[in-house]
Amino acid sequence: MSRRCAVTGKTILVGRNVSHANNKTKRRFLPNLQVASLLSDALGDSVQIRLSTRGLRTIEAAGGLDAWICAQAKSKLAPELLKLRTRIDRAKLRKAAAAA
């Protein structure tokens, strides 16, 4: 599993620690990734996604997982989110067919 946020695309950055004596050693800056269970209204189930805390705030600001994922272009979604969007679209079509 890669250290990459599925929503924002944040990944590992590389930099240097600089000591008081000005010694420079290489280090990695890791993104703050969390495994979050988000509720999908269309699926009626929770979905686990590995994302950064900033990505979680982005989804919440957009009005939830379904609203955010449908507002994004398919070309900009990570592969796991693209599969999730397909499942959400199919569930919405099933609900619309059942209501008609």
PDB file of N, CA and C in Angstrom:
ATOM      1  N   MET A   1       0.846  -1.171   0.000  1.00  0.00           N
ATOM      2  CA  MET A   1       0.000   0.000   0.000  1.00  0.00           C
ATOM      3  C   MET A   1       0.893   1.236   0.000  1.00  0.00           C
ATOM      4  N   SER A   2       0.632   2.116  -0.944  1.00  0.00           N
ATOM      5  CA  SER A   2       1.476   3.297  -1.052  1.00  0.00           C
ATOM      6  C   SER A   2       1.078   4.354  -0.041  1.00  0.00           C
ATOM      7  N   ARG A   3       2.003   5.212   0.281  1.00  0.00           N
ATOM      8  CA  ARG A   3       1.732   6.318   1.201  1.00  0.00           C
ATOM      9  C   ARG A   3       1.275   7.515   0.381  1.00  0.00           C
ATOM     10  N   ARG A   4       0.048   7.409  -0.109  1.00  0.00           N
ATOM     11  CA  ARG A   4      -0.508   8.438  -0.968  1.00  0.00           C
ATOM     12  C   ARG A   4      -1.976   8.633  -0.620  1.00  0.00           C
ATOM     13  N   CYS A   5      -2.384   9.875  -0.483  1.00  0.00           N
ATOM     14  CA  CYS A   5      -3.781  10.188  -0.179  1.00  0.00           C
ATOM     15  C   CYS A   5      -4.620   9.979  -1.441  1.00  0.00           C
ATOM     16  N   ALA A   6      -5.739   9.267  -1.302  1.00  0.00           N
ATOM     17  CA  ALA A   6      -6.601   8.992  -2.441  1.00  0.00           C
ATOM     18  C   ALA A   6      -7.357  10.236  -2.897  1.00  0.00           C
ATOM     19  N   VAL A   7      -7.526  11.215  -2.024  1.00  0.00           N
ATOM     20  CA  VAL A   7      -8.324  12.399  -2.347  1.00  0.00           C
ATOM     21  C   VAL A   7      -7.442  13.533  -2.849  1.00  0.00           C
ATOM     22  N   THR A   8      -6.447  13.928  -2.077  1.00  0.00           N
ATOM     23  CA  THR A   8      -5.636  15.094  -2.424  1.00  0.00           C
ATOM     24  C   THR A   8      -4.393  14.744  -3.241  1.00  0.00           C
ATOM     25  N   GLY A   9      -3.974  13.491  -3.205  1.00  0.00           N
ATOM     26  CA  GLY A   9      -2.774  13.085  -3.928  1.00  0.00           C
ATOM     27  C   GLY A   9      -1.491  13.381  -3.180  1.00  0.00           C
ATOM     28  N   LYS A  10      -1.601  13.797  -1.901  1.00  0.00           N
ATOM     29  CA  LYS A  10      -0.402  14.077  -1.116  1.00  0.00           C
ATOM     30  C   LYS A  10       0.434  12.810  -0.998  1.00  0.00           C
ATOM     31  N   THR A  11       1.729  12.971  -1.129  1.00  0.00           N
ATOM     32  CA  THR A  11       2.635  11.831  -1.070  1.00  0.00           C
ATOM     33  C   THR A  11       3.874  12.211  -0.274  1.00  0.00           C
ATOM     34  N   ILE A  12       4.837  11.325  -0.200  1.00  0.00           N
ATOM     35  CA  ILE A  12       6.061  11.558   0.568  1.00  0.00           C
ATOM     36  C   ILE A  12       6.890  12.666  -0.086  1.00  0.00           C
ATOM     37  N   LEU A  13       7.377  13.580   0.729  1.00  0.00           N
ATOM     38  CA  LEU A  13       8.309  14.608   0.272  1.00  0.00           C
ATOM     39  C   LEU A  13       9.670  14.325   0.875  1.00  0.00           C
ATOM     40  N   VAL A  14      10.725  14.736   0.210  1.00  0.00           N
ATOM     41  CA  VAL A  14      12.086  14.507   0.679  1.00  0.00           C
ATOM     42  C   VAL A  14      12.725  15.846   0.984  1.00  0.00           C
ATOM     43  N   GLY A  15      13.439  15.894   2.105  1.00  0.00           N
ATOM     44  CA  GLY A  15      14.108  17.128   2.496  1.00  0.00           C
ATOM     45  C   GLY A  15      15.339  16.827   3.313  1.00  0.00           C
ATOM     46  N   ARG A  16      15.796  17.803   4.062  1.00  0.00           N
ATOM     47  CA  ARG A  16      17.012  17.648   4.850  1.00  0.00           C
ATOM     48  C   ARG A  16      16.787  18.152   6.262  1.00  0.00           C
ATOM     49  N   ASN A  17      17.320  17.434   7.245  1.00  0.00           N
ATOM     50  CA  ASN A  17      17.449  17.947   8.598  1.00  0.00           C
ATOM     51  C   ASN A  17      18.720  18.769   8.640  1.00  0.00           C
ATOM     52  N   VAL A  18      18.678  19.927   9.240  1.00  0.00           N
ATOM     53  CA  VAL A  18      19.874  20.759   9.361  1.00  0.00           C
ATOM     54  C   VAL A  18      20.130  20.978  10.846  1.00  0.00           C
ATOM     55  N   SER A  19      21.263  20.486  11.321  1.00  0.00           N
ATOM     56  CA  SER A  19      21.593  20.600  12.739  1.00  0.00           C
ATOM     57  C   SER A  19      22.167  21.986  13.044  1.00  0.00           C
ATOM     58  N   HIS A  20      22.390  22.213  14.334  1.00  0.00           N
ATOM     59  CA  HIS A  20      22.982  23.480  14.760  1.00  0.00           C
ATOM     60  C   HIS A  20      24.375  23.656  14.161  1.00  0.00           C
ATOM     61  N   ALA A  21      25.088  22.541  13.962  1.00  0.00           N
ATOM     62  CA  ALA A  21      26.426  22.583  13.365  1.00  0.00           C
ATOM     63  C   ALA A  21      26.359  22.605  11.836  1.00  0.00           C
ATOM     64  N   ASN A  22      25.137  22.755  11.301  1.00  0.00           N
ATOM     65  CA  ASN A  22      24.886  22.830   9.862  1.00  0.00           C
ATOM     66  C   ASN A  22      25.179  21.518   9.141  1.00  0.00           C
ATOM     67  N   ASN A  23      25.110  20.396   9.860  1.00  0.00           N
ATOM     68  CA  ASN A  23      25.186  19.096   9.204  1.00  0.00           C
ATOM     69  C   ASN A  23      23.837  18.819   8.544  1.00  0.00           C
ATOM     70  N   LYS A  24      23.879  18.318   7.327  1.00  0.00           N
ATOM     71  CA  LYS A  24      22.647  18.063   6.592  1.00  0.00           C
ATOM     72  C   LYS A  24      22.462  16.564   6.393  1.00  0.00           C
ATOM     73  N   THR A  25      21.354  16.048   6.864  1.00  0.00           N
ATOM     74  CA  THR A  25      21.031  14.629   6.676  1.00  0.00           C
ATOM     75  C   THR A  25      19.671  14.530   5.993  1.00  0.00           C
ATOM     76  N   LYS A  26      19.576  13.563   5.096  1.00  0.00           N
ATOM     77  CA  LYS A  26      18.350  13.382   4.328  1.00  0.00           C
ATOM     78  C   LYS A  26      17.235  12.830   5.212  1.00  0.00           C
ATOM     79  N   ARG A  27      16.002  13.275   4.967  1.00  0.00           N
ATOM     80  CA  ARG A  27      14.859  12.767   5.710  1.00  0.00           C
ATOM     81  C   ARG A  27      13.630  12.757   4.824  1.00  0.00           C
ATOM     82  N   ARG A  28      12.580  12.092   5.301  1.00  0.00           N
ATOM     83  CA  ARG A  28      11.329  12.028   4.552  1.00  0.00           C
ATOM     84  C   ARG A  28      10.218  12.692   5.363  1.00  0.00           C
ATOM     85  N   PHE A  29       9.375  13.443   4.675  1.00  0.00           N
ATOM     86  CA  PHE A  29       8.202  14.040   5.280  1.00  0.00           C
ATOM     87  C   PHE A  29       7.009  13.194   4.855  1.00  0.00           C
ATOM     88  N   LEU A  30       6.401  12.473   5.801  1.00  0.00           N
ATOM     89  CA  LEU A  30       5.288  11.588   5.492  1.00  0.00           C
ATOM     90  C   LEU A  30       3.959  12.322   5.635  1.00  0.00           C
ATOM     91  N   PRO A  31       3.011  12.071   4.735  1.00  0.00           N
ATOM     92  CA  PRO A  31       1.693  12.690   4.878  1.00  0.00           C
ATOM     93  C   PRO A  31       0.939  12.068   6.048  1.00  0.00           C
ATOM     94  N   ASN A  32       0.032  12.816   6.633  1.00  0.00           N
ATOM     95  CA  ASN A  32      -0.749  12.343   7.768  1.00  0.00           C
ATOM     96  C   ASN A  32      -1.919  11.507   7.254  1.00  0.00           C
ATOM     97  N   LEU A  33      -1.650  10.241   6.940  1.00  0.00           N
ATOM     98  CA  LEU A  33      -2.673   9.369   6.377  1.00  0.00           C
ATOM     99  C   LEU A  33      -3.433   8.640   7.471  1.00  0.00           C
ATOM    100  N   GLN A  34      -4.735   8.550   7.276  1.00  0.00           N
ATOM    101  CA  GLN A  34      -5.621   7.845   8.199  1.00  0.00           C
ATOM    102  C   GLN A  34      -6.526   6.939   7.388  1.00  0.00           C
ATOM    103  N   VAL A  35      -6.955   5.841   7.991  1.00  0.00           N
ATOM    104  CA  VAL A  35      -7.972   4.997   7.376  1.00  0.00           C
ATOM    105  C   VAL A  35      -9.309   5.450   7.952  1.00  0.00           C
ATOM    106  N   ALA A  36     -10.180   5.954   7.088  1.00  0.00           N
ATOM    107  CA  ALA A  36     -11.456   6.503   7.529  1.00  0.00           C
ATOM    108  C   ALA A  36     -12.597   5.703   6.915  1.00  0.00           C
ATOM    109  N   SER A  37     -13.635   5.478   7.696  1.00  0.00           N
ATOM    110  CA  SER A  37     -14.862   4.861   7.202  1.00  0.00           C
ATOM    111  C   SER A  37     -15.856   5.974   6.923  1.00  0.00           C
ATOM    112  N   LEU A  38     -16.188   6.153   5.663  1.00  0.00           N
ATOM    113  CA  LEU A  38     -17.116   7.200   5.255  1.00  0.00           C
ATOM    114  C   LEU A  38     -18.414   6.562   4.785  1.00  0.00           C
ATOM    115  N   LEU A  39     -19.525   7.172   5.145  1.00  0.00           N
ATOM    116  CA  LEU A  39     -20.833   6.651   4.790  1.00  0.00           C
ATOM    117  C   LEU A  39     -21.240   7.144   3.411  1.00  0.00           C
ATOM    118  N   SER A  40     -21.627   6.199   2.562  1.00  0.00           N
ATOM    119  CA  SER A  40     -22.136   6.530   1.241  1.00  0.00           C
ATOM    120  C   SER A  40     -23.650   6.416   1.280  1.00  0.00           C
ATOM    121  N   ASP A  41     -24.342   7.514   0.978  1.00  0.00           N
ATOM    122  CA  ASP A  41     -25.804   7.512   0.991  1.00  0.00           C
ATOM    123  C   ASP A  41     -26.368   6.642  -0.125  1.00  0.00           C
ATOM    124  N   ALA A  42     -25.741   6.674  -1.293  1.00  0.00           N
ATOM    125  CA  ALA A  42     -26.238   5.911  -2.432  1.00  0.00           C
ATOM    126  C   ALA A  42     -26.080   4.408  -2.203  1.00  0.00           C
ATOM    127  N   LEU A  43     -24.952   4.002  -1.626  1.00  0.00           N
ATOM    128  CA  LEU A  43     -24.710   2.582  -1.387  1.00  0.00           C
ATOM    129  C   LEU A  43     -25.389   2.100  -0.110  1.00  0.00           C
ATOM    130  N   GLY A  44     -25.644   3.023   0.810  1.00  0.00           N
ATOM    131  CA  GLY A  44     -26.226   2.646   2.087  1.00  0.00           C
ATOM    132  C   GLY A  44     -25.270   1.862   2.950  1.00  0.00           C
ATOM    133  N   ASP A  45     -23.988   2.090   2.769  1.00  0.00           N
ATOM    134  CA  ASP A  45     -22.956   1.336   3.476  1.00  0.00           C
ATOM    135  C   ASP A  45     -21.764   2.252   3.703  1.00  0.00           C
ATOM    136  N   SER A  46     -20.903   1.861   4.634  1.00  0.00           N
ATOM    137  CA  SER A  46     -19.685   2.636   4.852  1.00  0.00           C
ATOM    138  C   SER A  46     -18.562   2.082   3.994  1.00  0.00           C
ATOM    139  N   VAL A  47     -17.670   2.968   3.590  1.00  0.00           N
ATOM    140  CA  VAL A  47     -16.558   2.618   2.723  1.00  0.00           C
ATOM    141  C   VAL A  47     -15.279   3.051   3.407  1.00  0.00           C
ATOM    142  N   GLN A  48     -14.285   2.161   3.457  1.00  0.00           N
ATOM    143  CA  GLN A  48     -13.004   2.520   4.066  1.00  0.00           C
ATOM    144  C   GLN A  48     -12.065   3.071   3.002  1.00  0.00           C
ATOM    145  N   ILE A  49     -11.513   4.258   3.280  1.00  0.00           N
ATOM    146  CA  ILE A  49     -10.584   4.919   2.357  1.00  0.00           C
ATOM    147  C   ILE A  49      -9.385   5.394   3.157  1.00  0.00           C
ATOM    148  N   ARG A  50      -8.199   5.250   2.579  1.00  0.00           N
ATOM    149  CA  ARG A  50      -6.974   5.751   3.207  1.00  0.00           C
ATOM    150  C   ARG A  50      -6.710   7.138   2.645  1.00  0.00           C
ATOM    151  N   LEU A  51      -6.868   8.150   3.496  1.00  0.00           N
ATOM    152  CA  LEU A  51      -6.703   9.517   3.034  1.00  0.00           C
ATOM    153  C   LEU A  51      -6.068  10.376   4.105  1.00  0.00           C
ATOM    154  N   SER A  52      -5.611  11.544   3.694  1.00  0.00           N
ATOM    155  CA  SER A  52      -5.002  12.478   4.635  1.00  0.00           C
ATOM    156  C   SER A  52      -6.108  13.203   5.394  1.00  0.00           C
ATOM    157  N   THR A  53      -5.732  13.825   6.485  1.00  0.00           N
ATOM    158  CA  THR A  53      -6.717  14.564   7.263  1.00  0.00           C
ATOM    159  C   THR A  53      -7.246  15.748   6.460  1.00  0.00           C
ATOM    160  N   ARG A  54      -6.422  16.315   5.613  1.00  0.00           N
ATOM    161  CA  ARG A  54      -6.863  17.401   4.738  1.00  0.00           C
ATOM    162  C   ARG A  54      -7.891  16.881   3.726  1.00  0.00           C
ATOM    163  N   GLY A  55      -7.682  15.668   3.229  1.00  0.00           N
ATOM    164  CA  GLY A  55      -8.640  15.060   2.312  1.00  0.00           C
ATOM    165  C   GLY A  55      -9.971  14.796   2.977  1.00  0.00           C
ATOM    166  N   LEU A  56      -9.943  14.407   4.243  1.00  0.00           N
ATOM    167  CA  LEU A  56     -11.170  14.188   4.996  1.00  0.00           C
ATOM    168  C   LEU A  56     -11.947  15.496   5.145  1.00  0.00           C
ATOM    169  N   ARG A  57     -11.243  16.573   5.435  1.00  0.00           N
ATOM    170  CA  ARG A  57     -11.884  17.890   5.549  1.00  0.00           C
ATOM    171  C   ARG A  57     -12.458  18.336   4.204  1.00  0.00           C
ATOM    172  N   THR A  58     -11.778  18.016   3.113  1.00  0.00           N
ATOM    173  CA  THR A  58     -12.250  18.366   1.771  1.00  0.00           C
ATOM    174  C   THR A  58     -13.573  17.678   1.472  1.00  0.00           C
ATOM    175  N   ILE A  59     -13.654  16.387   1.799  1.00  0.00           N
ATOM    176  CA  ILE A  59     -14.880  15.627   1.552  1.00  0.00           C
ATOM    177  C   ILE A  59     -16.024  16.162   2.405  1.00  0.00           C
ATOM    178  N   GLU A  60     -15.749  16.465   3.663  1.00  0.00           N
ATOM    179  CA  GLU A  60     -16.788  16.980   4.548  1.00  0.00           C
ATOM    180  C   GLU A  60     -17.283  18.352   4.080  1.00  0.00           C
ATOM    181  N   ALA A  61     -16.397  19.186   3.576  1.00  0.00           N
ATOM    182  CA  ALA A  61     -16.783  20.513   3.109  1.00  0.00           C
ATOM    183  C   ALA A  61     -17.641  20.433   1.850  1.00  0.00           C
ATOM    184  N   ALA A  62     -17.452  19.385   1.050  1.00  0.00           N
ATOM    185  CA  ALA A  62     -18.213  19.225  -0.185  1.00  0.00           C
ATOM    186  C   ALA A  62     -19.602  18.658   0.061  1.00  0.00           C
ATOM    187  N   GLY A  63     -19.875  18.222   1.275  1.00  0.00           N
ATOM    188  CA  GLY A  63     -21.202  17.696   1.571  1.00  0.00           C
ATOM    189  C   GLY A  63     -21.270  16.191   1.656  1.00  0.00           C
ATOM    190  N   GLY A  64     -20.154  15.549   1.807  1.00  0.00           N
ATOM    191  CA  GLY A  64     -20.137  14.097   1.960  1.00  0.00           C
ATOM    192  C   GLY A  64     -19.441  13.402   0.807  1.00  0.00           C
ATOM    193  N   LEU A  65     -19.278  12.104   0.967  1.00  0.00           N
ATOM    194  CA  LEU A  65     -18.520  11.310  -0.007  1.00  0.00           C
ATOM    195  C   LEU A  65     -19.187  11.296  -1.378  1.00  0.00           C
ATOM    196  N   ASP A  66     -20.497  11.053  -1.424  1.00  0.00           N
ATOM    197  CA  ASP A  66     -21.187  10.968  -2.713  1.00  0.00           C
ATOM    198  C   ASP A  66     -21.136  12.286  -3.474  1.00  0.00           C
ATOM    199  N   ALA A  67     -21.360  13.380  -2.772  1.00  0.00           N
ATOM    200  CA  ALA A  67     -21.345  14.695  -3.422  1.00  0.00           C
ATOM    201  C   ALA A  67     -19.963  15.021  -3.961  1.00  0.00           C
ATOM    202  N   TRP A  68     -18.927  14.721  -3.177  1.00  0.00           N
ATOM    203  CA  TRP A  68     -17.567  15.047  -3.616  1.00  0.00           C
ATOM    204  C   TRP A  68     -17.139  14.187  -4.797  1.00  0.00           C
ATOM    205  N   ILE A  69     -17.418  12.886  -4.711  1.00  0.00           N
ATOM    206  CA  ILE A  69     -16.930  11.970  -5.744  1.00  0.00           C
ATOM    207  C   ILE A  69     -17.639  12.201  -7.075  1.00  0.00           C
ATOM    208  N   CYS A  70     -18.905  12.607  -7.040  1.00  0.00           N
ATOM    209  CA  CYS A  70     -19.641  12.871  -8.281  1.00  0.00           C
ATOM    210  C   CYS A  70     -19.259  14.215  -8.889  1.00  0.00           C
ATOM    211  N   ALA A  71     -18.738  15.133  -8.086  1.00  0.00           N
ATOM    212  CA  ALA A  71     -18.327  16.440  -8.591  1.00  0.00           C
ATOM    213  C   ALA A  71     -16.962  16.390  -9.267  1.00  0.00           C
ATOM    214  N   GLN A  72     -16.179  15.331  -9.006  1.00  0.00           N
ATOM    215  CA  GLN A  72     -14.839  15.232  -9.569  1.00  0.00           C
ATOM    216  C   GLN A  72     -14.877  14.630 -10.968  1.00  0.00           C
ATOM    217  N   ALA A  73     -13.946  15.037 -11.813  1.00  0.00           N
ATOM    218  CA  ALA A  73     -13.799  14.430 -13.134  1.00  0.00           C
ATOM    219  C   ALA A  73     -13.232  13.026 -12.967  1.00  0.00           C
ATOM    220  N   LYS A  74     -13.685  12.108 -13.782  1.00  0.00           N
ATOM    221  CA  LYS A  74     -13.234  10.720 -13.661  1.00  0.00           C
ATOM    222  C   LYS A  74     -11.729  10.596 -13.881  1.00  0.00           C
ATOM    223  N   SER A  75     -11.160  11.465 -14.701  1.00  0.00           N
ATOM    224  CA  SER A  75      -9.728  11.394 -14.981  1.00  0.00           C
ATOM    225  C   SER A  75      -8.885  11.808 -13.779  1.00  0.00           C
ATOM    226  N   LYS A  76      -9.475  12.545 -12.824  1.00  0.00           N
ATOM    227  CA  LYS A  76      -8.721  13.022 -11.667  1.00  0.00           C
ATOM    228  C   LYS A  76      -8.833  12.106 -10.459  1.00  0.00           C
ATOM    229  N   LEU A  77      -9.662  11.068 -10.544  1.00  0.00           N
ATOM    230  CA  LEU A  77      -9.861  10.181  -9.406  1.00  0.00           C
ATOM    231  C   LEU A  77      -8.808   9.088  -9.361  1.00  0.00           C
ATOM    232  N   ALA A  78      -8.433   8.699  -8.145  1.00  0.00           N
ATOM    233  CA  ALA A  78      -7.530   7.568  -7.953  1.00  0.00           C
ATOM    234  C   ALA A  78      -8.265   6.291  -8.363  1.00  0.00           C
ATOM    235  N   PRO A  79      -7.534   5.233  -8.731  1.00  0.00           N
ATOM    236  CA  PRO A  79      -8.190   4.005  -9.200  1.00  0.00           C
ATOM    237  C   PRO A  79      -9.214   3.425  -8.225  1.00  0.00           C
ATOM    238  N   GLU A  80      -8.918   3.452  -6.924  1.00  0.00           N
ATOM    239  CA  GLU A  80      -9.883   2.901  -5.969  1.00  0.00           C
ATOM    240  C   GLU A  80     -11.129   3.770  -5.862  1.00  0.00           C
ATOM    241  N   LEU A  81     -10.969   5.080  -6.040  1.00  0.00           N
ATOM    242  CA  LEU A  81     -12.128   5.966  -6.014  1.00  0.00           C
ATOM    243  C   LEU A  81     -12.923   5.892  -7.310  1.00  0.00           C
ATOM    244  N   LEU A  82     -12.260   5.573  -8.408  1.00  0.00           N
ATOM    245  CA  LEU A  82     -12.959   5.395  -9.676  1.00  0.00           C
ATOM    246  C   LEU A  82     -13.886   4.185  -9.604  1.00  0.00           C
ATOM    247  N   LYS A  83     -13.424   3.105  -8.978  1.00  0.00           N
ATOM    248  CA  LYS A  83     -14.276   1.927  -8.785  1.00  0.00           C
ATOM    249  C   LYS A  83     -15.458   2.267  -7.881  1.00  0.00           C
ATOM    250  N   LEU A  84     -15.210   3.051  -6.846  1.00  0.00           N
ATOM    251  CA  LEU A  84     -16.262   3.460  -5.931  1.00  0.00           C
ATOM    252  C   LEU A  84     -17.288   4.332  -6.644  1.00  0.00           C
ATOM    253  N   ARG A  85     -16.835   5.230  -7.512  1.00  0.00           N
ATOM    254  CA  ARG A  85     -17.764   6.086  -8.255  1.00  0.00           C
ATOM    255  C   ARG A  85     -18.644   5.252  -9.182  1.00  0.00           C
ATOM    256  N   THR A  86     -18.078   4.221  -9.790  1.00  0.00           N
ATOM    257  CA  THR A  86     -18.863   3.333 -10.643  1.00  0.00           C
ATOM    258  C   THR A  86     -19.954   2.643  -9.836  1.00  0.00           C
ATOM    259  N   ARG A  87     -19.603   2.179  -8.633  1.00  0.00           N
ATOM    260  CA  ARG A  87     -20.596   1.538  -7.761  1.00  0.00           C
ATOM    261  C   ARG A  87     -21.695   2.521  -7.359  1.00  0.00           C
ATOM    262  N   ILE A  88     -21.316   3.767  -7.065  1.00  0.00           N
ATOM    263  CA  ILE A  88     -22.297   4.787  -6.667  1.00  0.00           C
ATOM    264  C   ILE A  88     -23.220   5.117  -7.834  1.00  0.00           C
ATOM    265  N   ASP A  89     -22.666   5.262  -9.043  1.00  0.00           N
ATOM    266  CA  ASP A  89     -23.486   5.564 -10.215  1.00  0.00           C
ATOM    267  C   ASP A  89     -24.493   4.444 -10.479  1.00  0.00           C
ATOM    268  N   ARG A  90     -24.052   3.193 -10.361  1.00  0.00           N
ATOM    269  CA  ARG A  90     -24.950   2.058 -10.575  1.00  0.00           C
ATOM    270  C   ARG A  90     -26.046   2.016  -9.519  1.00  0.00           C
ATOM    271  N   ALA A  91     -25.700   2.312  -8.281  1.00  0.00           N
ATOM    272  CA  ALA A  91     -26.695   2.313  -7.213  1.00  0.00           C
ATOM    273  C   ALA A  91     -27.728   3.415  -7.437  1.00  0.00           C
ATOM    274  N   LYS A  92     -27.282   4.577  -7.911  1.00  0.00           N
ATOM    275  CA  LYS A  92     -28.222   5.664  -8.190  1.00  0.00           C
ATOM    276  C   LYS A  92     -29.158   5.294  -9.333  1.00  0.00           C
ATOM    277  N   LEU A  93     -28.636   4.617 -10.358  1.00  0.00           N
ATOM    278  CA  LEU A  93     -29.488   4.190 -11.471  1.00  0.00           C
ATOM    279  C   LEU A  93     -30.524   3.161 -11.013  1.00  0.00           C
ATOM    280  N   ARG A  94     -30.104   2.239 -10.147  1.00  0.00           N
ATOM    281  CA  ARG A  94     -31.040   1.233  -9.621  1.00  0.00           C
ATOM    282  C   ARG A  94     -32.156   1.890  -8.811  1.00  0.00           C
ATOM    283  N   LYS A  95     -31.791   2.891  -7.995  1.00  0.00           N
ATOM    284  CA  LYS A  95     -32.795   3.588  -7.187  1.00  0.00           C
ATOM    285  C   LYS A  95     -33.747   4.380  -8.063  1.00  0.00           C
ATOM    286  N   ALA A  96     -33.234   4.992  -9.132  1.00  0.00           N
ATOM    287  CA  ALA A  96     -34.080   5.758 -10.041  1.00  0.00           C
ATOM    288  C   ALA A  96     -35.027   4.828 -10.811  1.00  0.00           C
ATOM    289  N   ALA A  97     -34.545   3.654 -11.199  1.00  0.00           N
ATOM    290  CA  ALA A  97     -35.379   2.688 -11.907  1.00  0.00           C
ATOM    291  C   ALA A  97     -36.460   2.120 -10.986  1.00  0.00           C
ATOM    292  N   ALA A  98     -36.131   1.925  -9.730  1.00  0.00           N
ATOM    293  CA  ALA A  98     -37.097   1.390  -8.781  1.00  0.00           C
ATOM    294  C   ALA A  98     -38.169   2.420  -8.445  1.00  0.00           C
ATOM    295  N   ALA A  99     -37.804   3.704  -8.452  1.00  0.00           N
ATOM    296  CA  ALA A  99     -38.752   4.760  -8.147  1.00  0.00           C
ATOM    297  C   ALA A  99     -39.687   5.031  -9.315  1.00  0.00           C
ATOM    298  N   ALA A 100     -39.264   4.733 -10.523  1.00  0.00           N
ATOM    299  CA  ALA A 100     -40.076   5.017 -11.716  1.00  0.00           C
ATOM    300  C   ALA A 100     -41.092   3.953 -12.006  1.00  0.00           C
TER     301      ALA A 100
END
